[in-house]
Amino acid sequence: MSRKCEICGKGQVSGNTVSHSNRHSRRKWNANIQTVKVEENGTVTRKNVCTRCIRSGKVARA
């Protein structure tokens, strides 16, 4: 499954996890992507959509 929202393009972000002794190691934050059935032009398809787009009503769920 793709880690990118098909509506807004939100995806994975990378950065550092910093320990108490200030050691840095790489980590990643994944967007909360859900597979939902979306109605477009009278047809129902599956799309990978972030929860922000689902909540804000940017997609019409089938």
N, C-alpha and C. Protein backbone atom coordinates (compact mmCIF):
# COMPACT_ATOMS: atom_id res chain seq x y z
N MET A 1 0.84 -1.18 0.00
CA MET A 1 0.00 0.00 0.00
C MET A 1 0.88 1.24 0.00
N SER A 2 0.51 2.19 -0.80
CA SER A 2 1.26 3.43 -0.88
C SER A 2 1.09 4.23 0.40
N ARG A 3 2.15 4.88 0.85
CA ARG A 3 2.12 5.69 2.07
C ARG A 3 1.84 7.14 1.73
N LYS A 4 1.04 7.39 0.68
CA LYS A 4 0.76 8.75 0.25
C LYS A 4 -0.73 8.91 0.00
N CYS A 5 -1.27 10.03 0.46
CA CYS A 5 -2.69 10.33 0.25
C CYS A 5 -2.91 10.69 -1.22
N GLU A 6 -3.93 10.08 -1.83
CA GLU A 6 -4.20 10.35 -3.24
C GLU A 6 -4.98 11.64 -3.44
N ILE A 7 -5.41 12.29 -2.36
CA ILE A 7 -6.16 13.55 -2.47
C ILE A 7 -5.22 14.74 -2.25
N CYS A 8 -4.54 14.78 -1.11
CA CYS A 8 -3.72 15.96 -0.77
C CYS A 8 -2.22 15.72 -0.95
N GLY A 9 -1.79 14.47 -1.11
CA GLY A 9 -0.37 14.19 -1.31
C GLY A 9 0.44 14.05 -0.04
N LYS A 10 -0.23 14.06 1.11
CA LYS A 10 0.50 13.90 2.38
C LYS A 10 1.15 12.53 2.41
N GLY A 11 2.39 12.48 2.88
CA GLY A 11 3.11 11.21 2.90
C GLY A 11 4.01 11.08 4.11
N GLN A 12 5.03 10.26 3.95
CA GLN A 12 5.95 9.97 5.03
C GLN A 12 6.92 11.13 5.25
N VAL A 13 7.23 11.43 6.52
CA VAL A 13 8.16 12.49 6.87
C VAL A 13 9.29 11.86 7.69
N SER A 14 10.52 12.30 7.46
CA SER A 14 11.65 11.73 8.19
C SER A 14 12.27 12.77 9.10
N GLY A 15 12.99 12.27 10.10
CA GLY A 15 13.66 13.15 11.04
C GLY A 15 14.53 12.33 11.97
N ASN A 16 14.81 12.87 13.13
CA ASN A 16 15.67 12.20 14.09
C ASN A 16 14.89 11.88 15.36
N THR A 17 15.22 10.74 15.97
CA THR A 17 14.80 10.49 17.34
C THR A 17 16.00 10.85 18.21
N VAL A 18 15.77 11.62 19.26
CA VAL A 18 16.85 12.15 20.08
C VAL A 18 16.71 11.56 21.47
N SER A 19 17.75 10.86 21.92
CA SER A 19 17.72 10.22 23.23
C SER A 19 18.04 11.24 24.33
N HIS A 20 17.95 10.79 25.56
CA HIS A 20 18.25 11.66 26.70
C HIS A 20 19.71 12.12 26.68
N SER A 21 20.61 11.29 26.15
CA SER A 21 22.02 11.67 26.04
C SER A 21 22.31 12.42 24.75
N ASN A 22 21.26 12.83 24.05
CA ASN A 22 21.33 13.66 22.84
C ASN A 22 21.93 12.92 21.64
N ARG A 23 21.85 11.59 21.64
CA ARG A 23 22.26 10.82 20.46
C ARG A 23 21.12 10.88 19.44
N HIS A 24 21.49 11.02 18.17
CA HIS A 24 20.51 11.13 17.09
C HIS A 24 20.51 9.87 16.24
N SER A 25 19.34 9.35 15.94
CA SER A 25 19.22 8.26 14.98
C SER A 25 17.98 8.53 14.14
N ARG A 26 18.05 8.11 12.89
CA ARG A 26 17.00 8.45 11.94
C ARG A 26 15.73 7.66 12.23
N ARG A 27 14.59 8.31 12.01
CA ARG A 27 13.30 7.64 12.13
C ARG A 27 12.34 8.28 11.14
N LYS A 28 11.13 7.72 11.05
CA LYS A 28 10.14 8.25 10.11
C LYS A 28 8.77 8.29 10.76
N TRP A 29 7.99 9.24 10.34
CA TRP A 29 6.60 9.36 10.76
C TRP A 29 5.73 9.08 9.54
N ASN A 30 4.85 8.08 9.66
CA ASN A 30 3.97 7.74 8.56
C ASN A 30 2.65 8.47 8.71
N ALA A 31 2.10 8.92 7.60
CA ALA A 31 0.78 9.54 7.61
C ALA A 31 -0.26 8.46 7.88
N ASN A 32 -1.36 8.84 8.50
CA ASN A 32 -2.43 7.88 8.81
C ASN A 32 -3.27 7.69 7.54
N ILE A 33 -2.88 6.71 6.74
CA ILE A 33 -3.51 6.45 5.45
C ILE A 33 -4.49 5.29 5.59
N GLN A 34 -5.72 5.50 5.14
CA GLN A 34 -6.76 4.48 5.18
C GLN A 34 -7.22 4.20 3.75
N THR A 35 -7.57 2.95 3.48
CA THR A 35 -8.15 2.59 2.19
C THR A 35 -9.66 2.68 2.31
N VAL A 36 -10.26 3.58 1.54
CA VAL A 36 -11.71 3.80 1.62
C VAL A 36 -12.31 3.68 0.23
N LYS A 37 -13.59 3.32 0.19
CA LYS A 37 -14.34 3.32 -1.06
C LYS A 37 -14.86 4.72 -1.30
N VAL A 38 -14.53 5.28 -2.47
CA VAL A 38 -14.87 6.65 -2.81
C VAL A 38 -15.75 6.65 -4.05
N GLU A 39 -16.77 7.49 -4.04
CA GLU A 39 -17.65 7.61 -5.20
C GLU A 39 -17.22 8.79 -6.04
N GLU A 40 -16.81 8.51 -7.29
CA GLU A 40 -16.39 9.54 -8.24
C GLU A 40 -17.10 9.33 -9.56
N ASN A 41 -17.76 10.35 -10.03
CA ASN A 41 -18.44 10.31 -11.33
C ASN A 41 -19.41 9.13 -11.45
N GLY A 42 -20.05 8.78 -10.35
CA GLY A 42 -21.01 7.69 -10.36
C GLY A 42 -20.42 6.31 -10.22
N THR A 43 -19.09 6.20 -10.15
CA THR A 43 -18.46 4.90 -9.98
C THR A 43 -17.79 4.84 -8.61
N VAL A 44 -17.69 3.64 -8.08
CA VAL A 44 -17.08 3.43 -6.77
C VAL A 44 -15.69 2.83 -6.97
N THR A 45 -14.68 3.49 -6.43
CA THR A 45 -13.31 3.00 -6.50
C THR A 45 -12.69 3.05 -5.10
N ARG A 46 -11.60 2.32 -4.94
CA ARG A 46 -10.85 2.35 -3.68
C ARG A 46 -9.70 3.34 -3.81
N LYS A 47 -9.52 4.15 -2.78
CA LYS A 47 -8.41 5.11 -2.77
C LYS A 47 -7.74 5.08 -1.43
N ASN A 48 -6.45 5.42 -1.42
CA ASN A 48 -5.69 5.58 -0.19
C ASN A 48 -5.76 7.05 0.21
N VAL A 49 -6.44 7.32 1.33
CA VAL A 49 -6.74 8.69 1.74
C VAL A 49 -6.32 8.88 3.18
N CYS A 50 -5.75 10.05 3.50
CA CYS A 50 -5.39 10.34 4.89
C CYS A 50 -6.65 10.68 5.69
N THR A 51 -6.56 10.50 7.00
CA THR A 51 -7.73 10.71 7.84
C THR A 51 -8.14 12.18 7.89
N ARG A 52 -7.22 13.10 7.67
CA ARG A 52 -7.57 14.52 7.63
C ARG A 52 -8.52 14.80 6.47
N CYS A 53 -8.28 14.20 5.30
CA CYS A 53 -9.16 14.39 4.14
C CYS A 53 -10.51 13.72 4.36
N ILE A 54 -10.53 12.58 5.06
CA ILE A 54 -11.79 11.91 5.34
C ILE A 54 -12.63 12.76 6.28
N ARG A 55 -12.00 13.29 7.34
CA ARG A 55 -12.71 14.09 8.33
C ARG A 55 -13.22 15.39 7.76
N SER A 56 -12.44 16.04 6.90
CA SER A 56 -12.82 17.35 6.39
C SER A 56 -13.82 17.28 5.25
N GLY A 57 -14.14 16.05 4.80
CA GLY A 57 -15.14 15.90 3.75
C GLY A 57 -14.63 16.12 2.34
N LYS A 58 -13.32 15.99 2.13
CA LYS A 58 -12.76 16.16 0.78
C LYS A 58 -13.06 14.99 -0.13
N VAL A 59 -13.50 13.86 0.46
CA VAL A 59 -13.87 12.69 -0.34
C VAL A 59 -15.31 12.31 0.00
N ALA A 60 -16.04 11.86 -1.00
CA ALA A 60 -17.41 11.37 -0.79
C ALA A 60 -17.34 9.87 -0.66
N ARG A 61 -17.54 9.36 0.57
CA ARG A 61 -17.46 7.93 0.77
C ARG A 61 -18.67 7.22 0.19
N ALA A 62 -18.44 6.03 -0.33
CA ALA A 62 -19.52 5.27 -0.93
C ALA A 62 -20.18 4.39 0.10
